[in-house]
Amino acid sequence: MRHFGQIAPEVRKRLFHQEPCAFSADSPARLLSAALGATLYSPATRPSLADDVLKQGARGVVSMVLCLEDSIDDADVPVGEANLVRQLNDLAKRSDADVPLLFVRVRTPEQVPDLVRRLGPAVRLLSGFVLPKFTEERGVPFLEALSAAEAASGRRLFAMPVLESPDLLYRESRVQTLEGIFRAVDKYRDRVLALRLGVTDFCSSYGLRRGPDMTAYDVQIVASVIADVVNMLARADGTGFTVTGPVWEYFRVPERMFKPQLRQSPFLEGQAVGLRQKLIEHSMDGLLREISLDRANGLLGKTCIHPSHVLPVHALSVVSHEEFSDAQDILRPERCGGGVMRSAYTNKMNEVKPHRAWAERTLLRAEIFGVANEDIGFVELLAAGLSD
C-alpha cells in the first residue's frame, strides 16, 4: 500500500516531486508509526465490515481500528466479537484483497489472546490492538497479554495505547501518571507502535465538548495535557514515541457562529472555489486548522471517525517542496559540524544543529507521504483526491 495510491499514476506524477513510498504490514515499525496517517475507526458490529474495510482501503485509508469498546453498547460485545472473527475470516479468503493496517480496540486484556485464538489463520490480517484508558497499572496486563498472543500466533502484533484516563488529566496526578506510562511503554518499546490521545474522554471529565469552531488547542485543559504528553513521551532524543492527533467529531454543521477559517486565495489560485465552499459546509475548515496545530505541536497522524476526514489529514501530511529543500540542506554531510545558512527559498534561516531533529522527521514524513511539486499545495492535493 501507499498514501495517495488511489490516485492515478499520471496524476501523482503531476502532484509529487517525490512520490510516497510503498509499505506493508511487515515494514519496519519506525516506518509504520509514521505511515498510520488518518486512522479510521469502525464499530466491530457492522454487518458489512469486510466489505467496508476493502472499500475504505480503495479510497486511500491505510489504517483502521475495528472497535469493541466505546463505539458499541456494553451488551453488544459478544456479538461484536463474533462478527469481527467472522468478517476477518471472510476477508482472509479473498486472496487479492488489498487490506489496510488493521487494529482491534479491546476492553480487557483477556480479549487479546482470546480473539487471536478465535481468528486462527486470519490473524495474519491484524497489525495489533488498541489499548483503552492506558496507565501503568491498567496497561501492563494488556501488554503482557499482547506479548503472549504474539508468541502463540507467531504473528508480529503492535500495541497502540490510548491516553485518556482522568489521572492523566488531573494536575495533582498528571506527572506521576505520565512517568508510569513511560515505564510501561518503554519496557515494551518494540511492541508500541504509537500512542493515541483520547481527547473526548478528557473533555468528559469536566463536562466539556468542543464545538466545530474550536480545536482541541482552544480548550485549555486539553491543550495542557497534549503539551505534557508531548513533553514527556514524544521527545526527539531517541526516547520518544509517535503520538497521534485527537479525533475530530464533526462532519456537517448546519449553522456557524464564527467566520470560516480558510483563506480564499489558495482556492482561487487553484481554481477550486467550489472545494472551499464544500469544506466549509462540512466543517472541514476547523479540521484543517486542528491538523496544522497537531503537526506544530509534535503530533503525527490522527484518529478519524468519518471517511471524509481521511484525505485532509493525508493532504496536510505531504511535505512541501520548501520543507524538503530545507531539510535536505540541513542534513548535508558537509554540514554535520553545525552552522547557519539562508534557505534555498531565501525566506528563512536554517540553523543546522537546532533544526536537525526537525529535518530528520521531515524526511521520514517525505518518504511516507511524499513531497509535493514546487507549485503544488494542499488545495491541489485535496482536489485530486476528491475527484478520483
Protein backbone atom coordinates (compact mmCIF):
# COMPACT_ATOMS: atom_id res chain seq x y z
CA MET A 1 0.00 0.00 0.00
CA ARG A 2 1.00 3.65 -0.30
CA HIS A 3 -0.53 7.00 0.53
CA PHE A 4 -2.41 8.51 -2.43
CA GLY A 5 -2.25 5.11 -4.10
CA GLN A 6 -5.91 5.55 -5.08
CA ILE A 7 -4.92 8.41 -7.40
CA ALA A 8 -3.97 7.61 -10.99
CA PRO A 9 -0.18 7.36 -11.61
CA GLU A 10 -0.17 10.21 -14.13
CA VAL A 11 -1.90 12.49 -11.60
CA ARG A 12 0.57 11.52 -8.85
CA LYS A 13 3.42 12.38 -11.21
CA ARG A 14 1.96 15.86 -11.65
CA LEU A 15 1.44 16.36 -7.93
CA PHE A 16 4.64 14.95 -6.45
CA HIS A 17 8.30 15.85 -6.67
CA GLN A 18 8.90 12.62 -4.71
CA GLU A 19 6.05 10.12 -4.60
CA PRO A 20 5.04 8.36 -1.35
CA CYS A 21 6.84 5.07 -0.81
CA ALA A 22 5.18 1.66 -0.78
CA PHE A 23 4.94 -0.20 2.53
CA SER A 24 3.20 -3.22 4.03
CA ALA A 25 2.15 -4.57 7.42
CA ASP A 26 5.59 -6.20 7.61
CA SER A 27 7.53 -2.94 7.15
CA PRO A 28 9.78 -1.68 9.97
CA ALA A 29 7.97 -0.22 12.98
CA ARG A 30 9.59 3.19 12.54
CA LEU A 31 8.10 3.44 9.06
CA LEU A 32 4.66 2.14 10.08
CA SER A 33 4.35 4.50 13.04
CA ALA A 34 4.74 7.46 10.69
CA ALA A 35 2.58 5.88 7.99
CA LEU A 36 -0.59 5.44 10.08
CA GLY A 37 -1.96 8.73 8.80
CA ALA A 38 -5.71 9.11 9.32
CA THR A 39 -6.70 6.03 11.34
CA LEU A 40 -10.37 5.37 10.65
CA TYR A 41 -12.45 3.83 13.43
CA SER A 42 -15.35 1.49 12.70
CA PRO A 43 -17.65 -0.38 15.12
CA ALA A 44 -16.88 -4.09 15.04
CA THR A 45 -20.61 -4.82 14.93
CA ARG A 46 -21.07 -3.60 11.34
CA PRO A 47 -22.65 -6.43 9.31
CA SER A 48 -20.66 -5.47 6.20
CA LEU A 49 -17.35 -4.98 7.99
CA ALA A 50 -15.21 -6.93 5.50
CA ASP A 51 -16.64 -5.03 2.54
CA ASP A 52 -16.26 -1.73 4.43
CA VAL A 53 -12.57 -2.42 5.03
CA LEU A 54 -11.96 -3.08 1.35
CA LYS A 55 -13.99 -0.05 0.28
CA GLN A 56 -12.09 2.31 2.57
CA GLY A 57 -8.76 0.81 1.54
CA ALA A 58 -9.61 1.52 -2.09
CA ARG A 59 -10.38 5.12 -1.14
CA GLY A 60 -6.96 5.74 0.40
CA VAL A 61 -7.35 4.61 4.03
CA VAL A 62 -4.17 2.84 5.17
CA SER A 63 -5.03 2.16 8.83
CA MET A 64 -8.29 1.18 10.52
CA VAL A 65 -9.41 0.33 14.05
CA LEU A 66 -12.24 -2.18 14.45
CA CYS A 67 -13.72 -1.13 17.76
CA LEU A 68 -15.15 -3.31 20.53
CA GLU A 69 -15.02 -0.56 23.14
CA ASP A 70 -16.78 2.82 23.35
CA SER A 71 -18.32 2.72 19.87
CA ILE A 72 -20.59 -0.20 20.76
CA ASP A 73 -23.05 -0.89 23.59
CA ASP A 74 -21.80 -2.96 26.52
CA ALA A 75 -24.40 -5.62 25.74
CA ASP A 76 -23.17 -5.95 22.15
CA VAL A 77 -19.61 -7.02 22.95
CA PRO A 78 -20.16 -10.79 22.41
CA VAL A 79 -21.99 -10.07 19.14
CA GLY A 80 -19.21 -7.69 18.10
CA GLU A 81 -16.51 -10.25 18.82
CA ALA A 82 -18.30 -12.94 16.84
CA ASN A 83 -18.89 -10.59 13.93
CA LEU A 84 -15.26 -9.46 13.98
CA VAL A 85 -13.98 -13.04 13.82
CA ARG A 86 -16.44 -13.96 11.08
CA GLN A 87 -15.73 -10.90 8.95
CA LEU A 88 -11.93 -11.16 9.20
CA ASN A 89 -12.09 -14.83 8.25
CA ASP A 90 -14.19 -13.84 5.25
CA LEU A 91 -11.65 -11.16 4.37
CA ALA A 92 -8.77 -13.63 4.68
CA LYS A 93 -10.33 -15.83 1.99
CA ARG A 94 -10.14 -13.04 -0.57
CA SER A 95 -6.64 -13.66 -1.87
CA ASP A 96 -6.50 -10.49 -3.94
CA ALA A 97 -7.74 -8.23 -1.13
CA ASP A 98 -5.73 -5.03 -0.56
CA VAL A 99 -6.23 -4.60 3.18
CA PRO A 100 -5.20 -1.57 5.28
CA LEU A 101 -3.31 -1.95 8.55
CA LEU A 102 -5.97 -3.35 10.88
CA PHE A 103 -6.13 -2.99 14.65
CA VAL A 104 -8.76 -4.12 17.15
CA ARG A 105 -9.74 -1.90 20.06
CA VAL A 106 -10.47 -4.17 23.01
CA ARG A 107 -11.87 -3.60 26.50
CA THR A 108 -9.96 -6.12 28.62
CA PRO A 109 -6.56 -7.86 28.43
CA GLU A 110 -8.28 -11.25 28.22
CA GLN A 111 -9.83 -10.32 24.88
CA VAL A 112 -6.44 -10.12 23.17
CA PRO A 113 -5.37 -13.79 23.34
CA ASP A 114 -8.98 -14.94 23.03
CA LEU A 115 -9.54 -13.08 19.76
CA VAL A 116 -6.16 -14.17 18.37
CA ARG A 117 -7.05 -17.79 19.14
CA ARG A 118 -10.52 -17.46 17.59
CA LEU A 119 -9.18 -15.81 14.46
CA GLY A 120 -6.82 -18.68 13.70
CA PRO A 121 -5.01 -18.16 10.37
CA ALA A 122 -6.96 -14.91 9.78
CA VAL A 123 -4.78 -13.29 12.46
CA ARG A 124 -2.37 -12.54 9.60
CA LEU A 125 -4.65 -9.61 8.73
CA LEU A 126 -4.12 -7.99 12.14
CA SER A 127 -1.38 -5.49 12.83
CA GLY A 128 -2.23 -5.17 16.51
CA PHE A 129 -4.53 -3.93 19.24
CA VAL A 130 -5.62 -0.55 20.58
CA LEU A 131 -5.47 -0.49 24.39
CA PRO A 132 -8.01 1.79 26.12
CA LYS A 133 -7.61 4.08 29.14
CA PHE A 134 -3.93 3.28 29.36
CA THR A 135 -1.99 3.82 32.57
CA GLU A 136 0.89 1.81 34.01
CA GLU A 137 -1.41 -0.18 36.30
CA ARG A 138 -4.05 -0.85 33.63
CA GLY A 139 -1.70 -1.07 30.70
CA VAL A 140 0.89 -3.65 31.76
CA PRO A 141 -1.64 -6.55 31.77
CA PHE A 142 -2.66 -5.55 28.23
CA LEU A 143 0.96 -5.51 27.07
CA GLU A 144 1.66 -8.86 28.73
CA ALA A 145 -1.41 -10.34 27.04
CA LEU A 146 -0.28 -8.93 23.69
CA SER A 147 3.18 -10.49 24.07
CA ALA A 148 1.67 -13.85 24.94
CA ALA A 149 -0.73 -13.71 21.98
CA GLU A 150 2.10 -12.78 19.67
CA ALA A 151 4.19 -15.72 20.84
CA ALA A 152 1.27 -18.12 20.50
CA SER A 153 0.29 -16.96 17.00
CA GLY A 154 3.72 -16.30 15.53
CA ARG A 155 2.37 -13.01 14.19
CA ARG A 156 4.00 -9.66 14.96
CA LEU A 157 1.40 -7.62 16.86
CA PHE A 158 1.71 -3.98 17.83
CA ALA A 159 0.07 -2.06 20.66
CA MET A 160 -1.43 1.42 20.37
CA PRO A 161 -2.23 2.61 23.91
CA VAL A 162 -4.89 5.31 24.23
CA LEU A 163 -4.07 8.04 26.73
CA GLU A 164 -7.48 9.08 28.09
CA SER A 165 -7.51 8.39 31.83
CA PRO A 166 -8.70 11.14 34.23
CA ASP A 167 -5.47 10.58 36.21
CA LEU A 168 -3.64 11.95 33.18
CA LEU A 169 -5.89 14.99 33.12
CA TYR A 170 -5.82 16.00 36.79
CA ARG A 171 -2.93 18.26 37.69
CA GLU A 172 -2.15 16.53 41.01
CA SER A 173 -1.64 13.12 39.36
CA ARG A 174 -0.51 14.01 35.84
CA VAL A 175 3.26 13.81 36.14
CA GLN A 176 3.15 10.60 38.18
CA THR A 177 0.75 9.05 35.65
CA LEU A 178 2.93 10.07 32.70
CA GLU A 179 6.02 8.66 34.41
CA GLY A 180 4.19 5.35 34.90
CA ILE A 181 3.01 5.28 31.30
CA PHE A 182 6.57 5.86 30.13
CA ARG A 183 7.86 2.98 32.25
CA ALA A 184 5.25 0.64 30.79
CA VAL A 185 5.69 1.54 27.13
CA ASP A 186 9.47 1.80 27.42
CA LYS A 187 9.63 -1.79 28.70
CA TYR A 188 7.65 -2.94 25.64
CA ARG A 189 9.12 -0.37 23.25
CA ASP A 190 9.46 -2.80 20.34
CA ARG A 191 5.72 -3.56 20.52
CA VAL A 192 4.37 0.00 20.94
CA LEU A 193 3.69 1.48 17.52
CA ALA A 194 2.12 4.78 18.59
CA LEU A 195 0.35 6.49 21.48
CA ARG A 196 -3.14 7.84 20.80
CA LEU A 197 -4.86 10.75 22.58
CA GLY A 198 -8.43 10.31 23.84
CA VAL A 199 -9.47 13.95 23.92
CA THR A 200 -13.21 13.17 24.04
CA ASP A 201 -12.65 11.37 27.35
CA PHE A 202 -10.55 14.28 28.61
CA CYS A 203 -13.41 16.67 27.90
CA SER A 204 -15.97 14.38 29.52
CA SER A 205 -14.17 14.60 32.87
CA TYR A 206 -15.19 18.27 33.00
CA GLY A 207 -18.47 18.06 31.13
CA LEU A 208 -16.96 19.80 28.10
CA ARG A 209 -17.37 19.35 24.37
CA ARG A 210 -15.53 21.49 21.84
CA GLY A 211 -17.68 22.95 19.09
CA PRO A 212 -16.96 22.87 15.35
CA ASP A 213 -15.42 26.34 15.53
CA MET A 214 -12.93 25.25 18.19
CA THR A 215 -9.90 22.97 18.02
CA ALA A 216 -8.56 20.81 20.84
CA TYR A 217 -5.94 23.51 21.37
CA ASP A 218 -8.62 26.10 22.16
CA VAL A 219 -9.75 24.03 25.16
CA GLN A 220 -7.03 24.97 27.59
CA ILE A 221 -7.32 21.97 29.91
CA VAL A 222 -6.94 19.66 26.90
CA ALA A 223 -4.14 21.70 25.37
CA SER A 224 -2.18 21.48 28.61
CA VAL A 225 -2.43 17.68 28.62
CA ILE A 226 -1.31 17.44 24.99
CA ALA A 227 1.68 19.64 25.79
CA ASP A 228 2.69 17.46 28.75
CA VAL A 229 2.23 14.21 26.80
CA VAL A 230 4.50 15.51 24.04
CA ASN A 231 6.95 16.85 26.62
CA MET A 232 7.38 13.52 28.40
CA LEU A 233 6.55 10.89 25.77
CA ALA A 234 7.41 12.31 22.33
CA ARG A 235 10.92 13.69 22.71
CA ALA A 236 13.23 13.66 19.69
CA ASP A 237 16.21 12.31 21.66
CA GLY A 238 15.50 8.65 20.90
CA THR A 239 13.34 8.05 23.98
CA GLY A 240 10.08 9.33 22.46
CA PHE A 241 7.15 7.67 20.70
CA THR A 242 4.87 8.72 17.87
CA VAL A 243 1.82 10.46 19.35
CA THR A 244 -1.23 10.80 17.12
CA GLY A 245 -3.69 13.69 16.96
CA PRO A 246 -7.13 13.69 18.62
CA VAL A 247 -10.37 12.82 16.90
CA TRP A 248 -12.42 15.48 15.05
CA GLU A 249 -16.08 14.86 15.87
CA TYR A 250 -17.89 16.86 13.19
CA PHE A 251 -18.72 16.11 9.56
CA ARG A 252 -21.54 18.53 8.82
CA VAL A 253 -22.60 21.66 10.70
CA PRO A 254 -25.85 23.44 9.73
CA GLU A 255 -25.11 26.72 11.50
CA ARG A 256 -21.92 28.64 12.29
CA MET A 257 -21.12 31.27 14.89
CA PHE A 258 -17.71 32.39 13.59
CA LYS A 259 -16.31 33.18 10.17
CA PRO A 260 -14.74 30.32 8.20
CA GLN A 261 -11.07 29.80 8.91
CA LEU A 262 -9.97 29.11 5.34
CA ARG A 263 -8.34 31.85 3.29
CA GLN A 264 -9.79 32.34 -0.19
CA SER A 265 -6.58 32.96 -2.12
CA PRO A 266 -5.20 29.37 -2.22
CA PHE A 267 -8.51 28.17 -3.63
CA LEU A 268 -8.69 30.99 -6.19
CA GLU A 269 -5.18 30.19 -7.38
CA GLY A 270 -6.03 26.51 -7.60
CA GLN A 271 -9.36 27.22 -9.33
CA ALA A 272 -11.13 25.37 -6.54
CA VAL A 273 -13.62 27.88 -5.13
CA GLY A 274 -16.29 25.18 -5.01
CA LEU A 275 -14.00 22.95 -2.96
CA ARG A 276 -13.55 25.69 -0.36
CA GLN A 277 -17.32 26.05 0.00
CA LYS A 278 -17.73 22.30 0.34
CA LEU A 279 -15.09 22.16 3.06
CA ILE A 280 -16.78 24.98 4.97
CA GLU A 281 -20.22 23.38 4.69
CA HIS A 282 -18.82 20.18 6.20
CA SER A 283 -16.90 21.95 8.98
CA MET A 284 -13.60 20.92 7.43
CA ASP A 285 -12.01 24.32 7.96
CA GLY A 286 -11.86 23.58 11.69
CA LEU A 287 -10.41 20.15 10.98
CA LEU A 288 -7.74 21.58 8.69
CA ARG A 289 -6.74 24.08 11.36
CA GLU A 290 -6.54 21.36 14.01
CA ILE A 291 -4.42 19.13 11.75
CA SER A 292 -1.99 22.02 11.26
CA LEU A 293 -1.86 22.58 15.02
CA ASP A 294 -1.33 18.86 15.59
CA ARG A 295 1.79 18.94 13.47
CA ALA A 296 3.03 22.19 15.01
CA ASN A 297 2.72 20.58 18.45
CA GLY A 298 4.61 17.39 17.57
CA LEU A 299 1.74 15.01 16.72
CA LEU A 300 1.62 12.84 13.60
CA GLY A 301 -1.46 11.18 12.17
CA LYS A 302 -4.99 11.49 13.56
CA THR A 303 -7.90 9.44 14.86
CA CYS A 304 -10.86 9.74 12.46
CA ILE A 305 -14.49 8.71 12.79
CA HIS A 306 -15.67 9.70 9.31
CA PRO A 307 -14.19 8.79 5.89
CA SER A 308 -14.36 12.42 4.74
CA HIS A 309 -11.66 13.31 7.30
CA VAL A 310 -9.05 10.98 5.83
CA LEU A 311 -7.98 12.95 2.75
CA PRO A 312 -7.47 16.28 4.62
CA VAL A 313 -5.19 14.52 7.14
CA HIS A 314 -3.14 12.97 4.35
CA ALA A 315 -3.04 16.11 2.20
CA LEU A 316 -1.67 18.18 5.08
CA SER A 317 0.88 15.46 5.87
CA VAL A 318 2.56 15.78 2.48
CA VAL A 319 5.90 17.57 2.75
CA SER A 320 6.06 20.79 0.78
CA HIS A 321 8.89 21.32 -1.69
CA GLU A 322 10.18 24.14 0.52
CA GLU A 323 10.24 21.95 3.66
CA PHE A 324 12.03 19.22 1.72
CA SER A 325 14.62 21.66 0.41
CA ASP A 326 15.30 22.99 3.91
CA ALA A 327 15.56 19.50 5.44
CA GLN A 328 17.99 18.32 2.77
CA ASP A 329 20.18 21.40 3.22
CA ILE A 330 20.31 20.95 6.99
CA LEU A 331 21.28 17.27 6.75
CA ARG A 332 24.03 17.60 4.14
CA PRO A 333 27.07 15.59 5.36
CA GLU A 334 29.43 18.53 4.99
CA ARG A 335 27.33 20.49 7.49
CA CYS A 336 27.48 17.98 10.35
CA GLY A 337 29.61 20.44 12.33
CA GLY A 338 26.79 22.97 12.52
CA GLY A 339 26.42 26.48 11.21
CA VAL A 340 23.73 28.78 9.88
CA MET A 341 22.62 29.35 6.29
CA ARG A 342 19.96 31.13 4.33
CA SER A 343 17.33 28.76 2.96
CA ALA A 344 17.25 27.98 -0.76
CA TYR A 345 13.90 29.81 -0.82
CA THR A 346 15.72 32.86 0.66
CA ASN A 347 12.98 33.47 3.21
CA LYS A 348 14.32 31.98 6.46
CA MET A 349 17.36 30.94 8.47
CA ASN A 350 18.30 27.26 8.66
CA GLU A 351 20.43 26.51 11.72
CA VAL A 352 21.98 23.07 11.35
CA LYS A 353 22.15 21.76 14.92
CA PRO A 354 18.84 23.07 16.35
CA HIS A 355 16.91 22.14 13.20
CA ARG A 356 18.45 18.67 12.72
CA ALA A 357 15.76 16.69 14.57
CA TRP A 358 13.05 18.56 12.64
CA ALA A 359 14.83 17.82 9.36
CA GLU A 360 15.12 14.10 10.16
CA ARG A 361 11.41 13.87 10.99
CA THR A 362 10.56 15.82 7.85
CA LEU A 363 12.49 13.43 5.61
CA LEU A 364 10.74 10.45 7.24
CA ARG A 365 7.39 12.12 6.55
CA ALA A 366 8.56 12.83 2.99
CA GLU A 367 9.31 9.15 2.48
CA ILE A 368 5.86 8.13 3.67
CA PHE A 369 3.59 10.92 2.36
CA GLY A 370 5.70 12.21 -0.49
CA VAL A 371 7.00 15.66 -1.44
CA ALA A 372 4.74 18.00 -3.39
CA ASN A 373 5.97 19.62 -6.56
CA GLU A 374 7.06 23.20 -6.22
CA ASP A 375 3.77 24.65 -7.48
CA ILE A 376 1.50 22.19 -5.63
CA GLY A 377 -0.22 22.97 -2.32
CA PHE A 378 -2.77 21.24 -0.12
CA VAL A 379 -5.65 22.57 -2.26
CA GLU A 380 -4.41 20.68 -5.34
CA LEU A 381 -3.82 17.54 -3.26
CA LEU A 382 -7.34 17.73 -1.80
CA ALA A 383 -8.91 18.39 -5.18
CA ALA A 384 -7.09 15.49 -6.83
CA GLY A 385 -8.15 13.09 -4.08
CA LEU A 386 -11.77 14.18 -4.16
CA SER A 387 -12.02 13.94 -7.94
CA ASP A 388 -10.55 10.44 -8.08
